[in-house]
Amino acid sequence: MIEREISGVLPVNKPAGMTSHDVVFKIRKLYGTKKVGHTGTLDPDATGLLIVLIGRAAKAAEYVTAGKKVYRAGLRLGLTTDTEDTTGKILTESENIPAKAEVLDAVNSFRGDIMQVPPMYSALKVNGQKLCDLARKGIVIEREARPVTVYSIAADGQGKDYTLDVACSAGTYIRTLCADIGAKLGCGGAMSSLFRTETGGFNVSEAHTLAEIEALSVEERDALLIPTESLFKDLEKVTLPAFYERLAKNGAEIYQKKIGTSYATGTLLRVHGAGGFFGIGEIREYESGSALKIVKFL
C-alpha cells in the first residue's frame, strides 16, 4: 500500500457484527493509509457512532475518548447473564417483574455520580491482561468499583423490555448499568441492545455507513473528512505570531505576558500559527511566570 498523506475525522455508523477494529481495517483500505485509529470501542453487537481518526488526527484519540457519550439501550428485565447482556450464558431467570412505576424509580436512582464495577467481559486491562480474555478462560477476578457519572437517564417500556436513553461519562458500562438496575429491582437485568448516538462532540446524524463510503470515489471520500480541529471546537483559540510559533514548535514554553494573554493555569487551547491549527496547548506555571506549552502537535 502506498501511503497517502491525508488527515481528518470520519464519523462512522457502525453496523452490528463488526468489531471497531474491523471498521478501522476497512477504512485503511478505502483511504489508502495505515494511519487510522478510533475512539470509544463499540462491542461487535453494538451499533451507532464510531469516531474514526485518519492521519495526524489519530494523535488526538485521548482527547476524544474523555468526552460525554450518549446511548440508546435495550434493558431486558428478569434475566442475568455472565456477560451482562442477552448474548451471554443465562445465570438466572425471573417472572417476578416489578410494575412500571417501580422500574422508572429504580432507573432514576442511577442519575448522578455513581460507583460501577467494570464487567468481566470488557476490554479493560488488569495486570496487562484484558478482562474479556480472562473471562473466556473461565477466570473471574475481583474488580474495584470506579466512579462514573450518569448525566441523564430516562426509560420507557413495559413488562420485561425497556428502552434507556443515557448520557454518561467516558468509562461507563451500559451493560453494567442494566445489570445494576435489574439487581436493584430484585429481578435481574441484562442489556438487549446498544446504539451510540453521540460521542466526541459528534452526533450519529453526521455519520456515514461503510456501504455509503465504499460507494464513493476517492475524491468524494476525502471530502467527507472533517478537519481535526473540529475535535476541539469547545476550546478557545490562540494565534501565535511567527516568532513564537517557531519557538512553540521547537518545544519552548511561550510566556503569556509576551503574547498578551491571561488564561488560567490548566486551560487547554487550540493553537494556530501562520499555517492554521497545529496543536493543543496548556497553560502551565513556570519560575518566570505563566506560559503556554504545546502538549500535542496535530
Protein backbone atom coordinates (compact mmCIF):
# COMPACT_ATOMS: atom_id res chain seq x y z
CA MET A 1 0.00 0.00 0.00
CA ILE A 2 1.32 3.43 -0.97
CA GLU A 3 0.68 5.71 2.00
CA ARG A 4 -1.49 8.72 1.24
CA GLU A 5 -0.91 11.96 3.10
CA ILE A 6 -4.42 12.61 4.31
CA SER A 7 -5.83 13.64 7.65
CA GLY A 8 -9.19 14.21 9.28
CA VAL A 9 -12.10 12.91 11.31
CA LEU A 10 -14.63 10.44 9.91
CA PRO A 11 -17.82 9.69 11.90
CA VAL A 12 -18.94 6.15 11.02
CA ASN A 13 -22.28 4.49 11.75
CA LYS A 14 -21.04 1.05 12.77
CA PRO A 15 -23.20 -1.94 11.85
CA ALA A 16 -23.80 -4.93 14.11
CA GLY A 17 -21.47 -7.89 13.66
CA MET A 18 -18.26 -5.91 13.22
CA THR A 19 -15.63 -5.04 15.80
CA SER A 20 -14.34 -1.49 15.99
CA HIS A 21 -11.03 -2.82 14.66
CA ASP A 22 -12.86 -4.34 11.66
CA VAL A 23 -14.09 -0.84 10.84
CA VAL A 24 -10.56 0.58 11.12
CA PHE A 25 -9.23 -2.15 8.81
CA LYS A 26 -11.91 -1.33 6.23
CA ILE A 27 -11.19 2.42 6.40
CA ARG A 28 -7.46 1.80 5.99
CA LYS A 29 -8.16 0.06 2.69
CA LEU A 30 -10.66 2.65 1.49
CA TYR A 31 -8.42 5.62 2.29
CA GLY A 32 -5.09 4.02 1.40
CA THR A 33 -3.32 4.69 4.70
CA LYS A 34 -2.28 2.68 7.74
CA LYS A 35 -2.59 5.74 9.98
CA VAL A 36 -6.14 5.09 11.13
CA GLY A 37 -7.45 4.76 14.66
CA HIS A 38 -10.76 5.01 16.51
CA THR A 39 -12.06 6.25 19.81
CA GLY A 40 -14.52 4.64 22.18
CA THR A 41 -14.68 0.95 21.31
CA LEU A 42 -18.09 -0.49 20.48
CA ASP A 43 -18.80 -4.19 21.04
CA PRO A 44 -19.44 -6.25 17.87
CA ASP A 45 -23.20 -6.40 18.54
CA ALA A 46 -23.41 -2.68 19.34
CA THR A 47 -24.23 -0.17 16.62
CA GLY A 48 -24.01 3.56 16.07
CA LEU A 49 -21.43 6.31 16.18
CA LEU A 50 -17.75 5.38 16.00
CA ILE A 51 -15.28 8.24 15.55
CA VAL A 52 -12.51 7.18 13.14
CA LEU A 53 -9.34 9.28 13.09
CA ILE A 54 -7.19 9.35 9.97
CA GLY A 55 -3.59 10.54 9.59
CA ARG A 56 -2.43 13.15 12.10
CA ALA A 57 -5.90 13.17 13.63
CA ALA A 58 -5.14 9.77 15.20
CA LYS A 59 -2.89 11.56 17.70
CA ALA A 60 -5.97 13.20 19.19
CA ALA A 61 -7.60 9.95 20.34
CA GLU A 62 -7.02 10.52 24.06
CA TYR A 63 -8.91 13.82 23.96
CA VAL A 64 -11.94 12.41 22.14
CA THR A 65 -12.23 9.35 24.41
CA ALA A 66 -12.58 11.50 27.52
CA GLY A 67 -15.82 13.24 26.49
CA LYS A 68 -19.52 12.68 27.19
CA LYS A 69 -21.25 9.79 25.42
CA VAL A 70 -24.95 9.26 24.69
CA TYR A 71 -26.59 5.86 24.15
CA ARG A 72 -29.96 4.26 23.49
CA ALA A 73 -30.00 0.80 25.05
CA GLY A 74 -32.43 -2.06 25.46
CA LEU A 75 -32.97 -3.32 29.01
CA ARG A 76 -34.37 -6.85 29.46
CA LEU A 77 -35.64 -7.50 32.98
CA GLY A 78 -35.99 -10.91 34.62
CA LEU A 79 -32.64 -12.13 33.35
CA THR A 80 -28.99 -12.20 34.40
CA THR A 81 -26.10 -13.49 32.26
CA ASP A 82 -22.35 -13.91 32.58
CA THR A 83 -21.79 -11.09 30.06
CA GLU A 84 -24.46 -8.73 31.44
CA ASP A 85 -26.14 -8.72 28.03
CA THR A 86 -28.60 -11.07 26.34
CA THR A 87 -25.92 -12.80 24.26
CA GLY A 88 -24.32 -14.37 27.31
CA LYS A 89 -24.89 -17.56 29.27
CA ILE A 90 -28.09 -17.29 31.30
CA LEU A 91 -27.43 -17.38 35.05
CA THR A 92 -30.88 -16.63 36.49
CA GLU A 93 -34.40 -16.03 35.21
CA SER A 94 -37.40 -14.49 36.98
CA GLU A 95 -41.04 -13.85 36.11
CA ASN A 96 -41.45 -11.52 39.10
CA ILE A 97 -41.19 -8.25 37.17
CA PRO A 98 -41.95 -5.04 39.10
CA ALA A 99 -44.57 -2.52 37.94
CA LYS A 100 -43.51 0.24 35.56
CA ALA A 101 -43.52 2.94 38.25
CA GLU A 102 -41.04 0.93 40.35
CA VAL A 103 -38.83 0.33 37.30
CA LEU A 104 -38.76 4.04 36.47
CA ASP A 105 -37.90 4.93 40.07
CA ALA A 106 -35.03 2.43 40.04
CA VAL A 107 -33.73 3.80 36.72
CA ASN A 108 -33.85 7.39 38.00
CA SER A 109 -31.85 6.44 41.10
CA PHE A 110 -28.79 5.87 38.90
CA ARG A 111 -28.63 9.51 37.79
CA GLY A 112 -25.57 11.43 39.02
CA ASP A 113 -22.20 10.28 40.35
CA ILE A 114 -22.25 6.54 40.94
CA MET A 115 -19.79 3.70 41.56
CA GLN A 116 -19.61 0.93 38.98
CA VAL A 117 -17.74 -2.38 38.92
CA PRO A 118 -16.38 -2.99 35.38
CA PRO A 119 -17.75 -6.20 33.81
CA MET A 120 -15.51 -9.19 33.19
CA TYR A 121 -16.48 -9.09 29.52
CA SER A 122 -14.74 -5.79 28.79
CA ALA A 123 -11.50 -4.63 27.18
CA LEU A 124 -10.28 -3.16 30.47
CA LYS A 125 -6.80 -4.43 31.37
CA VAL A 126 -5.77 -5.68 34.81
CA ASN A 127 -2.08 -6.54 35.25
CA GLY A 128 -1.61 -6.32 31.50
CA GLN A 129 -4.42 -8.74 30.63
CA LYS A 130 -7.81 -7.88 29.14
CA LEU A 131 -10.68 -8.89 31.40
CA CYS A 132 -12.58 -10.38 28.45
CA ASP A 133 -9.64 -12.69 27.65
CA LEU A 134 -9.65 -13.94 31.24
CA ALA A 135 -13.44 -14.32 31.21
CA ARG A 136 -13.29 -16.50 28.08
CA LYS A 137 -10.96 -18.84 30.02
CA GLY A 138 -13.48 -19.03 32.84
CA ILE A 139 -11.37 -16.84 35.11
CA VAL A 140 -13.15 -14.24 37.23
CA ILE A 141 -11.10 -11.74 39.23
CA GLU A 142 -12.02 -9.06 41.74
CA ARG A 143 -12.54 -5.62 40.17
CA GLU A 144 -12.59 -2.38 42.08
CA ALA A 145 -15.62 -0.14 41.71
CA ARG A 146 -14.87 3.07 39.82
CA PRO A 147 -16.62 6.44 39.86
CA VAL A 148 -18.63 7.31 36.74
CA THR A 149 -21.25 9.95 36.04
CA VAL A 150 -24.69 9.46 34.54
CA TYR A 151 -25.66 12.98 33.40
CA SER A 152 -29.17 11.97 32.39
CA ILE A 153 -31.17 8.77 32.13
CA ALA A 154 -34.73 8.09 31.01
CA ALA A 155 -36.66 4.88 30.42
CA ASP A 156 -39.79 3.79 28.65
CA GLY A 157 -41.37 0.39 28.08
CA GLN A 158 -43.42 -2.22 29.87
CA GLY A 159 -43.21 -5.76 31.12
CA LYS A 160 -39.72 -7.15 30.68
CA ASP A 161 -38.50 -4.77 27.98
CA TYR A 162 -37.49 -1.13 28.38
CA THR A 163 -35.54 1.39 26.34
CA LEU A 164 -32.96 3.51 28.15
CA ASP A 165 -31.64 6.86 26.92
CA VAL A 166 -28.39 7.54 28.75
CA ALA A 167 -25.86 10.39 28.68
CA CYS A 168 -22.78 9.45 30.66
CA SER A 169 -19.09 9.99 31.25
CA ALA A 170 -16.38 8.01 29.49
CA GLY A 171 -15.73 4.66 31.15
CA THR A 172 -19.40 3.99 31.93
CA TYR A 173 -20.51 0.47 31.00
CA ILE A 174 -24.12 0.43 29.85
CA ARG A 175 -24.35 -3.35 30.21
CA THR A 176 -23.35 -2.99 33.86
CA LEU A 177 -25.86 -0.19 34.31
CA CYS A 178 -28.58 -2.55 33.03
CA ALA A 179 -27.40 -5.32 35.36
CA ASP A 180 -27.30 -2.95 38.34
CA ILE A 181 -30.82 -1.67 37.64
CA GLY A 182 -32.04 -5.28 37.49
CA ALA A 183 -30.25 -6.09 40.73
CA LYS A 184 -31.84 -3.11 42.47
CA LEU A 185 -35.28 -4.29 41.32
CA GLY A 186 -34.53 -7.82 42.56
CA CYS A 187 -35.47 -9.50 39.27
CA GLY A 188 -32.18 -9.19 37.39
CA GLY A 189 -31.49 -7.31 34.20
CA ALA A 190 -29.35 -7.50 31.08
CA MET A 191 -28.64 -5.25 28.10
CA SER A 192 -30.52 -6.39 24.98
CA SER A 193 -29.19 -3.80 22.50
CA LEU A 194 -26.88 -0.79 22.33
CA PHE A 195 -26.85 2.15 19.91
CA ARG A 196 -24.46 5.07 20.46
CA THR A 197 -25.87 8.39 19.28
CA GLU A 198 -23.23 10.89 20.46
CA THR A 199 -19.53 10.96 21.32
CA GLY A 200 -16.63 13.34 20.88
CA GLY A 201 -18.96 16.24 20.17
CA PHE A 202 -20.46 14.45 17.14
CA ASN A 203 -23.94 13.04 16.55
CA VAL A 204 -24.78 9.87 14.66
CA SER A 205 -26.76 12.02 12.21
CA GLU A 206 -23.36 13.19 10.90
CA ALA A 207 -22.08 9.63 10.43
CA HIS A 208 -21.75 7.57 7.26
CA THR A 209 -22.24 3.84 6.82
CA LEU A 210 -19.40 1.76 5.41
CA ALA A 211 -21.55 0.96 2.37
CA GLU A 212 -22.03 4.68 1.68
CA ILE A 213 -18.31 5.38 1.99
CA GLU A 214 -17.37 2.41 -0.21
CA ALA A 215 -19.71 3.59 -2.99
CA LEU A 216 -17.91 6.95 -3.32
CA SER A 217 -14.96 7.96 -5.48
CA VAL A 218 -11.62 8.74 -3.82
CA GLU A 219 -12.30 12.47 -4.12
CA GLU A 220 -15.77 12.12 -2.61
CA ARG A 221 -14.43 10.04 0.29
CA ASP A 222 -11.76 12.64 1.00
CA ALA A 223 -14.45 15.33 1.04
CA LEU A 224 -16.18 13.52 3.93
CA LEU A 225 -13.24 14.14 6.26
CA ILE A 226 -13.81 16.77 8.92
CA PRO A 227 -10.79 18.90 9.98
CA THR A 228 -9.00 17.61 13.08
CA GLU A 229 -9.54 20.97 14.77
CA SER A 230 -13.28 20.19 14.95
CA LEU A 231 -12.50 17.78 17.80
CA PHE A 232 -11.53 20.80 19.90
CA LYS A 233 -14.24 23.27 18.91
CA ASP A 234 -15.10 23.84 22.58
CA LEU A 235 -11.57 25.14 23.33
CA GLU A 236 -10.63 28.78 22.90
CA LYS A 237 -8.29 29.64 20.04
CA VAL A 238 -4.97 31.47 20.34
CA THR A 239 -2.89 32.52 17.32
CA LEU A 240 0.86 32.86 17.78
CA PRO A 241 2.96 35.39 15.86
CA ALA A 242 5.55 33.76 13.57
CA PHE A 243 8.46 34.15 16.04
CA TYR A 244 6.59 32.49 18.91
CA GLU A 245 5.12 29.88 16.60
CA ARG A 246 8.64 28.70 15.73
CA LEU A 247 9.58 28.62 19.42
CA ALA A 248 6.45 26.66 20.33
CA LYS A 249 7.05 24.13 17.55
CA ASN A 250 10.57 23.63 18.90
CA GLY A 251 9.18 22.75 22.33
CA ALA A 252 9.66 26.08 24.13
CA GLU A 253 7.09 27.50 26.55
CA ILE A 254 5.56 30.79 25.44
CA TYR A 255 5.01 33.23 28.30
CA GLN A 256 1.57 34.80 28.33
CA LYS A 257 2.96 38.28 29.07
CA LYS A 258 4.83 38.05 25.73
CA ILE A 259 1.71 37.32 23.67
CA GLY A 260 -0.82 39.36 25.63
CA THR A 261 -2.99 36.56 27.03
CA SER A 262 -4.10 35.81 30.60
CA TYR A 263 -5.63 32.34 30.68
CA ALA A 264 -5.87 30.42 33.96
CA THR A 265 -3.41 27.65 34.78
CA GLY A 266 -4.57 24.32 33.33
CA THR A 267 -6.54 25.87 30.45
CA LEU A 268 -6.32 23.92 27.19
CA LEU A 269 -6.25 25.95 23.96
CA ARG A 270 -6.38 25.44 20.20
CA VAL A 271 -3.09 26.85 18.93
CA HIS A 272 -2.80 28.43 15.48
CA GLY A 273 0.11 29.82 13.51
CA ALA A 274 0.51 31.27 10.05
CA GLY A 275 -0.48 27.93 8.51
CA GLY A 276 -3.52 27.44 10.73
CA PHE A 277 -4.17 24.95 13.52
CA PHE A 278 -1.14 22.92 14.61
CA GLY A 279 -1.64 21.73 18.18
CA ILE A 280 -3.17 21.78 21.64
CA GLY A 281 -1.52 23.94 24.26
CA GLU A 282 -1.87 24.03 28.03
CA ILE A 283 -1.27 26.95 30.37
CA ARG A 284 1.36 25.99 32.94
CA GLU A 285 3.21 27.77 35.73
CA TYR A 286 6.98 28.23 35.48
CA GLU A 287 9.53 30.08 37.62
CA SER A 288 9.32 33.06 35.29
CA GLY A 289 5.53 33.09 35.14
CA SER A 290 2.52 31.63 33.35
CA ALA A 291 3.17 30.18 29.90
CA LEU A 292 1.63 28.26 27.04
CA LYS A 293 3.17 24.84 26.33
CA ILE A 294 2.21 22.65 23.38
CA VAL A 295 1.10 19.28 24.76
CA LYS A 296 0.02 17.69 21.46
CA PHE A 297 1.14 18.52 17.92
CA LEU A 298 -1.52 17.73 15.34
